N, C-alpha and C. Protein backbone atom coordinates (compact mmCIF):
# COMPACT_ATOMS: atom_id res chain seq x y z
N UNK A 1 -8.06 21.45 -29.75
CA UNK A 1 -8.16 22.44 -29.45
C UNK A 1 -10.03 22.44 -28.12
N UNK A 2 -10.39 22.50 -28.01
CA UNK A 2 -11.27 22.11 -26.76
C UNK A 2 -12.14 21.99 -27.72
N UNK A 3 -13.15 22.65 -28.61
CA UNK A 3 -14.04 21.79 -29.33
C UNK A 3 -14.09 20.91 -30.11
N UNK A 4 -13.08 19.96 -29.97
CA UNK A 4 -12.77 18.48 -30.13
C UNK A 4 -12.82 18.09 -29.33
N UNK A 5 -13.20 18.50 -27.71
CA UNK A 5 -12.70 17.37 -26.94
C UNK A 5 -14.13 17.94 -26.24
N UNK A 6 -14.87 16.92 -25.21
CA UNK A 6 -15.71 15.97 -24.51
C UNK A 6 -15.40 15.98 -23.16
N UNK A 7 -16.52 16.29 -22.18
CA UNK A 7 -15.37 17.09 -20.91
C UNK A 7 -17.32 15.93 -20.38
N UNK A 8 -16.52 15.02 -19.70
CA UNK A 8 -17.08 13.75 -18.41
C UNK A 8 -16.76 14.74 -17.08
N UNK A 9 -18.31 14.17 -16.78
CA UNK A 9 -17.64 15.54 -15.09
C UNK A 9 -18.19 14.36 -13.96
N UNK A 10 -17.26 14.31 -12.83
CA UNK A 10 -18.05 13.63 -11.72
C UNK A 10 -18.83 14.91 -11.18
N UNK A 11 -20.13 14.89 -10.50
CA UNK A 11 -20.13 14.86 -10.01
C UNK A 11 -20.71 15.95 -8.20
N UNK A 12 -20.44 16.74 -7.86
CA UNK A 12 -20.62 16.63 -6.18
C UNK A 12 -21.57 15.31 -5.51
N UNK A 13 -21.71 15.25 -5.92
CA UNK A 13 -23.32 13.54 -5.84
C UNK A 13 -22.39 12.66 -5.89
N UNK A 14 -21.50 12.20 -6.97
CA UNK A 14 -21.64 11.09 -7.59
C UNK A 14 -21.72 10.34 -8.72
N UNK A 15 -22.38 11.45 -9.41
CA UNK A 15 -23.30 11.56 -10.20
C UNK A 15 -22.03 11.75 -12.10
N UNK A 16 -22.25 10.94 -12.66
CA UNK A 16 -20.94 10.50 -13.43
C UNK A 16 -21.95 10.68 -15.13
N UNK A 17 -21.31 12.04 -16.13
CA UNK A 17 -22.73 12.13 -17.14
C UNK A 17 -22.03 13.53 -18.07
N UNK A 18 -22.05 13.07 -19.71
CA UNK A 18 -21.11 13.69 -20.43
C UNK A 18 -21.71 15.24 -19.64
N UNK A 19 -20.89 16.39 -20.56
CA UNK A 19 -20.87 17.94 -19.72
C UNK A 19 -20.74 18.36 -21.46
N UNK A 20 -21.83 19.02 -21.59
CA UNK A 20 -21.76 19.55 -23.34
C UNK A 20 -21.76 20.56 -23.00
N UNK A 21 -22.33 21.33 -21.94
CA UNK A 21 -21.91 22.87 -21.87
C UNK A 21 -20.45 23.04 -21.43
N UNK A 22 -20.02 22.10 -20.67
CA UNK A 22 -18.20 22.52 -20.30
C UNK A 22 -18.80 23.32 -18.82
N UNK A 23 -19.88 23.44 -18.27
CA UNK A 23 -20.43 24.65 -16.75
C UNK A 23 -20.79 23.19 -16.44
N UNK A 24 -21.01 22.47 -16.36
CA UNK A 24 -21.15 20.93 -14.82
C UNK A 24 -19.63 21.69 -13.54
N UNK A 25 -21.06 21.96 -11.94
CA UNK A 25 -19.68 21.70 -11.53
C UNK A 25 -19.56 20.37 -11.36
N UNK A 26 -18.46 19.96 -10.77
CA UNK A 26 -17.55 18.87 -10.99
C UNK A 26 -16.71 18.65 -10.55
N UNK A 27 -15.95 17.36 -10.33
CA UNK A 27 -14.32 16.83 -10.63
C UNK A 27 -14.37 16.52 -12.48
N UNK A 28 -13.80 16.96 -13.20
CA UNK A 28 -14.30 16.85 -15.04
C UNK A 28 -12.91 16.08 -15.74
N UNK A 29 -13.50 15.38 -16.45
CA UNK A 29 -11.95 14.71 -17.15
C UNK A 29 -12.66 14.82 -19.01
N UNK A 30 -11.10 14.85 -19.46
CA UNK A 30 -11.95 15.46 -21.07
C UNK A 30 -11.17 14.68 -22.07
N UNK A 31 -12.24 13.50 -23.19
CA UNK A 31 -11.18 13.13 -23.99
C UNK A 31 -12.19 13.41 -24.72
N UNK A 32 -10.73 13.13 -26.53
CA UNK A 32 -11.35 13.45 -27.92
C UNK A 32 -12.53 12.98 -28.04
N UNK A 33 -13.60 14.44 -28.57
CA UNK A 33 -14.83 13.23 -28.86
C UNK A 33 -14.79 12.28 -29.95
N UNK A 34 -14.46 11.08 -30.40
CA UNK A 34 -14.70 10.20 -30.89
C UNK A 34 -14.87 9.28 -31.06
N UNK A 35 -15.78 7.96 -31.49
CA UNK A 35 -15.57 6.69 -30.56
C UNK A 35 -14.44 5.95 -30.28
N UNK A 36 -13.52 6.32 -31.70
CA UNK A 36 -12.53 5.10 -31.52
C UNK A 36 -11.54 5.57 -29.64
N UNK A 37 -11.45 7.12 -29.43
CA UNK A 37 -10.96 7.06 -28.51
C UNK A 37 -11.56 6.44 -26.38
N UNK A 38 -13.60 6.78 -27.16
CA UNK A 38 -14.19 6.12 -25.45
C UNK A 38 -14.13 5.35 -26.06
N UNK A 39 -13.54 4.49 -26.81
CA UNK A 39 -13.50 2.69 -26.50
C UNK A 39 -12.37 2.25 -26.01
N UNK A 40 -11.33 3.23 -26.67
CA UNK A 40 -10.03 3.11 -25.92
C UNK A 40 -9.98 3.30 -24.21
N UNK A 41 -10.81 4.66 -23.88
CA UNK A 41 -10.74 4.63 -22.29
C UNK A 41 -11.68 3.89 -21.80
N UNK A 42 -12.08 3.26 -22.52
CA UNK A 42 -13.77 2.24 -21.94
C UNK A 42 -12.83 1.39 -21.37
N UNK A 43 -11.99 0.61 -22.56
CA UNK A 43 -11.06 -0.74 -22.60
C UNK A 43 -9.58 -0.66 -21.13
N UNK A 44 -9.11 0.84 -20.89
CA UNK A 44 -8.02 0.99 -20.31
C UNK A 44 -8.26 1.45 -18.53
N UNK A 45 -9.87 1.42 -18.29
CA UNK A 45 -10.67 2.20 -17.91
C UNK A 45 -10.38 3.66 -17.35
N UNK A 46 -8.90 4.68 -17.88
CA UNK A 46 -8.57 5.72 -18.27
C UNK A 46 -9.72 5.80 -16.84
N UNK A 47 -11.27 7.15 -17.99
CA UNK A 47 -12.19 7.28 -17.09
C UNK A 47 -12.17 7.80 -15.89
N UNK A 48 -12.60 5.47 -15.71
CA UNK A 48 -12.79 5.71 -13.75
C UNK A 48 -11.33 6.21 -13.22
N UNK A 49 -10.15 5.44 -13.12
CA UNK A 49 -9.14 6.19 -12.85
C UNK A 49 -9.43 7.43 -12.72
N UNK A 50 -9.15 8.29 -14.02
CA UNK A 50 -9.49 9.84 -12.90
C UNK A 50 -10.23 10.25 -12.21
N UNK A 51 -11.94 9.66 -12.87
CA UNK A 51 -13.30 9.63 -11.96
C UNK A 51 -12.58 9.64 -10.34
N UNK A 52 -12.24 8.05 -10.57
CA UNK A 52 -12.12 7.90 -9.05
C UNK A 52 -13.74 7.01 -8.66
N UNK A 53 -14.61 7.20 -9.76
CA UNK A 53 -15.89 6.38 -10.21
C UNK A 53 -15.93 5.24 -11.25
N UNK A 54 -16.46 4.04 -10.38
CA UNK A 54 -16.78 2.94 -11.45
C UNK A 54 -18.36 3.30 -12.23
N UNK A 55 -17.58 3.29 -13.71
CA UNK A 55 -18.45 4.20 -14.57
C UNK A 55 -19.29 3.12 -15.21
N UNK A 56 -21.25 3.24 -14.82
CA UNK A 56 -22.25 1.74 -15.77
C UNK A 56 -22.16 2.22 -17.14
N UNK A 57 -22.66 1.26 -17.53
CA UNK A 57 -22.64 0.81 -19.16
C UNK A 57 -23.51 2.23 -19.50
N UNK A 58 -24.58 2.03 -19.22
CA UNK A 58 -25.86 3.47 -19.42
C UNK A 58 -24.66 4.86 -19.70
N UNK A 59 -23.89 4.93 -18.34
CA UNK A 59 -23.27 6.21 -19.40
C UNK A 59 -22.28 5.82 -19.84
N UNK A 60 -22.17 5.08 -20.03
CA UNK A 60 -20.99 4.95 -21.78
C UNK A 60 -21.73 5.67 -23.09
N UNK A 61 -22.80 4.62 -23.21
CA UNK A 61 -24.03 4.85 -24.20
C UNK A 61 -24.23 6.37 -23.99
N UNK A 62 -24.83 6.65 -22.98
CA UNK A 62 -25.15 8.38 -23.00
C UNK A 62 -23.86 9.29 -23.36
N UNK A 63 -22.24 9.05 -23.46
CA UNK A 63 -21.15 9.65 -23.91
C UNK A 63 -21.00 9.20 -25.47
N UNK A 64 -21.50 7.31 -25.58
CA UNK A 64 -21.61 7.64 -27.39
C UNK A 64 -22.76 8.35 -28.11
N UNK A 65 -24.09 8.40 -27.32
CA UNK A 65 -24.67 8.96 -28.51
C UNK A 65 -24.43 10.52 -28.38
N UNK A 66 -23.96 11.50 -27.24
CA UNK A 66 -23.98 13.00 -27.84
C UNK A 66 -22.11 12.86 -28.77
N UNK A 67 -21.94 11.78 -28.44
CA UNK A 67 -20.51 11.76 -29.61
C UNK A 67 -20.86 11.58 -30.39
N UNK A 68 -21.58 11.23 -31.52
CA UNK A 68 -22.54 10.48 -32.67
C UNK A 68 -23.41 11.65 -33.10
N UNK A 69 -23.46 12.55 -32.14
CA UNK A 69 -24.22 13.75 -32.67
C UNK A 69 -23.56 14.78 -33.38
């Protein structure tokens, strides 16, 4: 179900961020909203490959905070 997913978006300006509303303009990728899935995506660089951009540790930390809330 979509409620269990978190959208990560790369904006037209090249910024990567979690999209809580699901309405931010840009190229998006969905991951299951849990820490284990995020850690696996970090390890195998799945989000970086899908969004075609290097993702900083700060962005991953922001995603962790969204998942933990």
